[in-house]
Protein backbone atom coordinates (compact mmCIF):
# COMPACT_ATOMS: atom_id res chain seq x y z
CA MET A 1 0.09 0.12 0.23
CA SER A 2 1.56 3.57 -1.16
CA LYS A 3 1.89 6.11 1.95
CA THR A 4 1.01 8.97 2.30
CA ARG A 5 2.47 12.13 4.18
CA ILE A 6 0.15 13.69 7.51
CA ASN A 7 1.65 16.98 9.55
CA ILE A 8 0.03 17.02 13.21
CA SER A 9 1.18 19.08 16.01
CA LEU A 10 1.54 18.14 19.43
CA ASP A 11 2.74 19.36 23.02
CA GLN A 12 6.12 19.92 23.54
CA ASP A 13 5.45 16.68 26.48
CA LEU A 14 3.36 14.51 24.70
CA ALA A 15 6.03 14.75 21.07
CA ASP A 16 9.13 13.79 23.59
CA PHE A 17 7.03 11.36 25.48
CA ALA A 18 6.92 9.49 21.99
CA LYS A 19 10.30 9.82 21.14
CA ILE A 20 11.09 8.59 23.77
CA PHE A 21 9.36 5.68 23.56
CA ALA A 22 9.50 4.87 20.37
CA ALA A 23 13.22 4.63 20.52
CA GLU A 24 13.09 2.01 23.57
CA ASN A 25 10.83 -0.15 21.61
CA ARG A 26 13.08 0.24 18.82
CA THR A 27 10.90 1.82 16.11
CA SER A 28 9.69 4.44 15.08
CA VAL A 29 7.04 7.97 16.48
CA ALA A 30 5.80 6.60 12.97
CA ASP A 31 4.72 3.30 13.76
CA VAL A 32 3.45 4.46 17.47
CA ILE A 33 1.08 6.03 15.93
CA THR A 34 0.15 3.72 12.03
CA GLN A 35 0.27 0.59 15.14
CA TYR A 36 -2.38 2.91 17.16
CA LEU A 37 -4.75 4.24 14.59
CA LEU A 38 -4.60 0.60 13.03
CA SER A 39 -6.10 -1.24 16.60
CA LEU A 40 -8.68 2.04 15.93
CA LYS A 41 -9.99 1.18 12.96
CA ARG A 42 -10.62 -2.31 13.96
CA ARG A 43 -12.35 -1.30 17.01
CA VAL A 44 -14.76 0.82 14.98
CA GLU A 45 -14.91 -1.65 11.77
CA GLY A 46 -15.86 -4.42 14.65
CA GLN A 47 -12.47 -6.71 13.74
CA SER A 48 -10.80 -6.65 17.66
CA THR A 49 -7.80 -7.74 18.46
CA GLU A 50 -9.74 -9.72 20.71
CA LYS A 51 -9.94 -13.24 18.98
CA ILE A 52 -6.14 -13.23 18.82
CA LEU A 53 -6.26 -12.56 22.79
CA SER A 54 -8.42 -15.10 23.18
CA HIS A 55 -6.64 -17.86 21.08
CA PRO A 56 -5.78 -21.27 23.10
CA ALA A 57 -2.63 -20.72 21.44
CA PHE A 58 -1.17 -17.27 21.76
CA GLY A 59 -2.18 -17.51 25.08
CA LYS A 60 -0.04 -20.42 25.66
CA ALA A 61 2.17 -18.85 23.72
CA MET A 62 2.54 -15.96 26.02
CA GLU A 63 2.05 -18.26 29.60
CA GLU A 64 5.19 -19.73 27.97
CA ALA A 65 7.46 -16.24 27.72
CA GLN A 66 6.07 -15.08 31.26
CA ALA A 67 7.17 -18.75 32.83
CA LYS A 68 11.13 -18.33 30.51
CA LEU A 69 11.73 -14.64 31.65
CA ARG A 70 10.05 -15.39 35.37
CA ASN A 71 12.83 -17.70 36.32
CA GLY A 72 15.45 -16.40 33.65
CA THR A 73 16.09 -18.87 31.14
CA ALA A 74 14.79 -16.12 28.42
CA GLN A 75 17.79 -16.09 25.38
CA TRP A 76 18.65 -12.98 25.31
CA HIS A 77 19.26 -12.15 21.51
CA SER A 78 20.60 -8.25 20.21
CA TYR A 79 18.19 -6.30 17.64
CA ASP A 80 21.18 -6.83 14.79
CA GLU A 81 20.81 -10.76 15.43
CA VAL A 82 17.11 -10.69 15.86
CA PHE A 83 17.07 -8.43 12.46
CA GLY A 84 20.18 -8.21 10.85
CA ASP A 85 21.56 -4.60 9.48
């Protein structure tokens, strides 16, 4: 899908938060806003993500990931190892 540019004005503290949040999550402010708008669009169109969240396989995968994090057996990888450079 082709992309278009939208200019928005935000309060400085909110813009600063968005930049910090994006950096901490290794993404861009544009991606944060895109994900928010996609979520809002799905809700409006009745395509809630609740189906994904309630799927048994997804729930099991989340429980397994949480267990690994809690007991210290999670294997950590750098961003470059996962996504390359």
